[in-house]
N, C-alpha and C. Protein backbone atom coordinates (compact mmCIF):
# COMPACT_ATOMS: atom_id res chain seq x y z
N MET A 1 -59.26 -109.29 78.98
CA MET A 1 -58.47 -110.16 78.13
C MET A 1 -59.12 -111.53 78.09
N ARG A 2 -59.18 -112.10 76.95
CA ARG A 2 -59.87 -113.38 76.78
C ARG A 2 -58.85 -114.48 76.51
N ASN A 3 -59.04 -115.62 77.15
CA ASN A 3 -58.16 -116.76 76.95
C ASN A 3 -58.82 -117.71 75.96
N ASP A 4 -58.29 -117.80 74.74
CA ASP A 4 -58.87 -118.65 73.71
C ASP A 4 -58.51 -120.11 73.88
N ASN A 5 -57.72 -120.44 74.88
CA ASN A 5 -57.34 -121.84 75.12
C ASN A 5 -58.32 -122.57 76.01
N LEU A 6 -59.38 -121.91 76.41
CA LEU A 6 -60.38 -122.55 77.26
C LEU A 6 -61.21 -123.54 76.46
N SER A 7 -61.52 -124.65 77.07
CA SER A 7 -62.44 -125.58 76.42
C SER A 7 -63.85 -125.04 76.59
N PRO A 8 -64.80 -125.48 75.77
CA PRO A 8 -66.17 -124.96 75.88
C PRO A 8 -66.76 -125.11 77.27
N ILE A 9 -66.38 -126.15 77.98
CA ILE A 9 -66.91 -126.37 79.33
C ILE A 9 -66.36 -125.32 80.28
N ASP A 10 -65.11 -124.90 80.09
CA ASP A 10 -64.48 -123.92 80.97
C ASP A 10 -64.89 -122.49 80.67
N ASP A 11 -65.42 -122.24 79.49
CA ASP A 11 -65.80 -120.89 79.09
C ASP A 11 -67.00 -120.45 79.91
N PRO A 12 -66.87 -119.39 80.70
CA PRO A 12 -67.98 -118.95 81.54
C PRO A 12 -69.19 -118.45 80.74
N HIS A 13 -69.00 -118.14 79.47
CA HIS A 13 -70.10 -117.64 78.65
C HIS A 13 -70.71 -118.71 77.75
N ALA A 14 -70.23 -119.94 77.85
CA ALA A 14 -70.69 -121.01 76.95
C ALA A 14 -72.19 -121.25 77.06
N GLY A 15 -72.69 -121.29 78.27
CA GLY A 15 -74.13 -121.53 78.46
C GLY A 15 -74.97 -120.40 77.88
N LEU A 16 -74.54 -119.18 78.11
CA LEU A 16 -75.26 -118.03 77.59
C LEU A 16 -75.20 -118.00 76.06
N GLU A 17 -74.04 -118.33 75.52
CA GLU A 17 -73.89 -118.38 74.07
C GLU A 17 -74.84 -119.41 73.47
N GLN A 18 -74.93 -120.58 74.10
CA GLN A 18 -75.84 -121.62 73.60
C GLN A 18 -77.29 -121.16 73.68
N ARG A 19 -77.64 -120.45 74.72
CA ARG A 19 -79.01 -119.92 74.82
C ARG A 19 -79.31 -118.92 73.72
N PHE A 20 -78.34 -118.08 73.39
CA PHE A 20 -78.54 -117.13 72.29
C PHE A 20 -78.68 -117.86 70.96
N ILE A 21 -77.91 -118.90 70.76
CA ILE A 21 -78.03 -119.69 69.53
C ILE A 21 -79.41 -120.33 69.46
N ASP A 22 -79.85 -120.91 70.57
CA ASP A 22 -81.19 -121.51 70.61
C ASP A 22 -82.28 -120.47 70.37
N GLU A 23 -82.09 -119.27 70.95
CA GLU A 23 -83.04 -118.18 70.75
C GLU A 23 -83.14 -117.80 69.28
N PHE A 24 -81.99 -117.69 68.63
CA PHE A 24 -81.98 -117.35 67.21
C PHE A 24 -82.67 -118.43 66.38
N LEU A 25 -82.32 -119.67 66.64
CA LEU A 25 -82.92 -120.77 65.88
C LEU A 25 -84.44 -120.78 66.07
N GLY A 26 -84.89 -120.54 67.30
CA GLY A 26 -86.33 -120.46 67.55
C GLY A 26 -86.98 -119.30 66.84
N SER A 27 -86.26 -118.19 66.72
CA SER A 27 -86.84 -117.00 66.07
C SER A 27 -87.05 -117.20 64.58
N VAL A 28 -86.30 -118.13 63.98
CA VAL A 28 -86.48 -118.40 62.55
C VAL A 28 -87.30 -119.68 62.34
N GLY A 29 -87.93 -120.16 63.43
CA GLY A 29 -88.83 -121.29 63.31
C GLY A 29 -88.15 -122.64 63.25
N CYS A 30 -86.95 -122.74 63.76
CA CYS A 30 -86.22 -124.00 63.73
C CYS A 30 -85.85 -124.39 65.15
N ALA A 31 -86.35 -125.53 65.58
CA ALA A 31 -85.98 -126.03 66.90
C ALA A 31 -84.50 -126.42 66.84
N PRO A 32 -83.75 -126.12 67.89
CA PRO A 32 -82.31 -126.41 67.87
C PRO A 32 -81.97 -127.85 67.51
N ARG A 33 -82.76 -128.78 67.91
CA ARG A 33 -82.46 -130.19 67.67
C ARG A 33 -82.94 -130.67 66.29
N SER A 34 -83.76 -129.85 65.61
CA SER A 34 -84.28 -130.28 64.31
C SER A 34 -83.49 -129.74 63.13
N ALA A 35 -82.43 -129.01 63.39
CA ALA A 35 -81.63 -128.44 62.31
C ALA A 35 -80.99 -129.52 61.45
N GLY A 36 -80.81 -130.69 62.01
CA GLY A 36 -80.21 -131.79 61.26
C GLY A 36 -81.05 -132.26 60.10
N GLY A 37 -82.34 -131.93 60.09
CA GLY A 37 -83.22 -132.33 59.01
C GLY A 37 -83.09 -131.46 57.77
N LEU A 38 -82.34 -130.39 57.87
CA LEU A 38 -82.12 -129.50 56.74
C LEU A 38 -80.95 -130.01 55.90
N GLY A 39 -80.82 -129.48 54.71
CA GLY A 39 -79.66 -129.82 53.87
C GLY A 39 -78.38 -129.31 54.49
N THR A 40 -77.25 -129.86 54.10
CA THR A 40 -75.96 -129.49 54.67
C THR A 40 -75.66 -128.00 54.53
N LEU A 41 -75.93 -127.44 53.36
CA LEU A 41 -75.68 -126.02 53.16
C LEU A 41 -76.62 -125.17 53.99
N ASP A 42 -77.88 -125.59 54.08
CA ASP A 42 -78.84 -124.85 54.89
C ASP A 42 -78.43 -124.85 56.36
N VAL A 43 -78.00 -125.98 56.87
CA VAL A 43 -77.58 -126.08 58.27
C VAL A 43 -76.36 -125.19 58.51
N ALA A 44 -75.39 -125.24 57.62
CA ALA A 44 -74.18 -124.43 57.78
C ALA A 44 -74.53 -122.95 57.77
N THR A 45 -75.38 -122.53 56.87
CA THR A 45 -75.79 -121.13 56.78
C THR A 45 -76.55 -120.71 58.04
N LEU A 46 -77.46 -121.54 58.47
CA LEU A 46 -78.26 -121.25 59.66
C LEU A 46 -77.39 -121.18 60.91
N LEU A 47 -76.50 -122.13 61.07
CA LEU A 47 -75.64 -122.13 62.25
C LEU A 47 -74.63 -120.99 62.23
N ARG A 48 -74.18 -120.59 61.04
CA ARG A 48 -73.29 -119.44 60.94
C ARG A 48 -74.03 -118.18 61.39
N ALA A 49 -75.25 -118.02 60.92
CA ALA A 49 -76.04 -116.85 61.32
C ALA A 49 -76.34 -116.87 62.82
N ALA A 50 -76.63 -118.05 63.35
CA ALA A 50 -76.90 -118.18 64.79
C ALA A 50 -75.66 -117.84 65.60
N SER A 51 -74.50 -118.27 65.13
CA SER A 51 -73.25 -117.98 65.82
C SER A 51 -72.94 -116.49 65.79
N GLN A 52 -73.18 -115.85 64.65
CA GLN A 52 -72.97 -114.40 64.56
C GLN A 52 -73.91 -113.65 65.50
N TYR A 53 -75.15 -114.10 65.56
CA TYR A 53 -76.13 -113.48 66.45
C TYR A 53 -75.66 -113.61 67.91
N ALA A 54 -75.23 -114.81 68.29
CA ALA A 54 -74.77 -115.03 69.66
C ALA A 54 -73.55 -114.18 69.96
N SER A 55 -72.63 -114.08 69.02
CA SER A 55 -71.43 -113.27 69.22
C SER A 55 -71.77 -111.79 69.42
N LEU A 56 -72.69 -111.31 68.62
CA LEU A 56 -73.12 -109.91 68.77
C LEU A 56 -73.79 -109.66 70.11
N ARG A 57 -74.63 -110.59 70.54
CA ARG A 57 -75.30 -110.43 71.83
C ARG A 57 -74.30 -110.47 72.98
N LEU A 58 -73.32 -111.39 72.92
CA LEU A 58 -72.29 -111.45 73.95
C LEU A 58 -71.45 -110.17 73.97
N ALA A 59 -71.12 -109.66 72.80
CA ALA A 59 -70.36 -108.41 72.72
C ALA A 59 -71.16 -107.26 73.32
N GLU A 60 -72.45 -107.26 73.07
CA GLU A 60 -73.32 -106.22 73.63
C GLU A 60 -73.30 -106.28 75.16
N ILE A 61 -73.39 -107.46 75.71
CA ILE A 61 -73.39 -107.63 77.16
C ILE A 61 -72.05 -107.21 77.75
N GLU A 62 -70.96 -107.61 77.10
CA GLU A 62 -69.63 -107.23 77.58
C GLU A 62 -69.44 -105.71 77.51
N SER A 63 -69.94 -105.09 76.45
CA SER A 63 -69.83 -103.63 76.32
C SER A 63 -70.61 -102.92 77.41
N ARG A 64 -71.80 -103.41 77.68
CA ARG A 64 -72.60 -102.79 78.74
C ARG A 64 -71.94 -102.95 80.10
N ALA A 65 -71.37 -104.12 80.35
CA ALA A 65 -70.69 -104.36 81.62
C ALA A 65 -69.49 -103.43 81.76
N HIS A 66 -68.73 -103.27 80.69
CA HIS A 66 -67.57 -102.38 80.70
C HIS A 66 -68.00 -100.93 80.93
N TYR A 67 -69.04 -100.51 80.24
CA TYR A 67 -69.55 -99.15 80.38
C TYR A 67 -70.04 -98.90 81.81
N THR A 68 -70.77 -99.85 82.36
CA THR A 68 -71.27 -99.74 83.73
C THR A 68 -70.12 -99.66 84.72
N ASP A 69 -69.10 -100.47 84.49
CA ASP A 69 -67.92 -100.45 85.36
C ASP A 69 -67.24 -99.09 85.31
N GLU A 70 -67.12 -98.52 84.11
CA GLU A 70 -66.51 -97.19 83.98
C GLU A 70 -67.32 -96.13 84.71
N ILE A 71 -68.62 -96.21 84.63
CA ILE A 71 -69.48 -95.25 85.32
C ILE A 71 -69.27 -95.33 86.83
N HIS A 72 -69.22 -96.55 87.34
CA HIS A 72 -69.06 -96.72 88.79
C HIS A 72 -67.66 -96.31 89.27
N ARG A 73 -66.67 -96.49 88.45
CA ARG A 73 -65.31 -96.08 88.82
C ARG A 73 -65.16 -94.57 88.83
N SER A 74 -65.86 -93.89 87.96
CA SER A 74 -65.70 -92.44 87.87
C SER A 74 -66.55 -91.69 88.90
N SER A 75 -67.45 -92.39 89.57
CA SER A 75 -68.28 -91.67 90.55
C SER A 75 -67.78 -91.81 91.95
């Protein structure tokens, strides 16, 4: 169960999420700190895609952890 009332600092996955966002931005040739040099629409589109990428990667990690936990419980 996830508590959506956590501030970003309290979220245990915040650091990992930021790393995934940085990874995505780097993969498209944009340094995380240089995104401000793009147009407003470009930045919004890029950050939306980076956020989706990070969300998918976090979901993947959570799914693997859940699956691993189920395997260990059943053995």
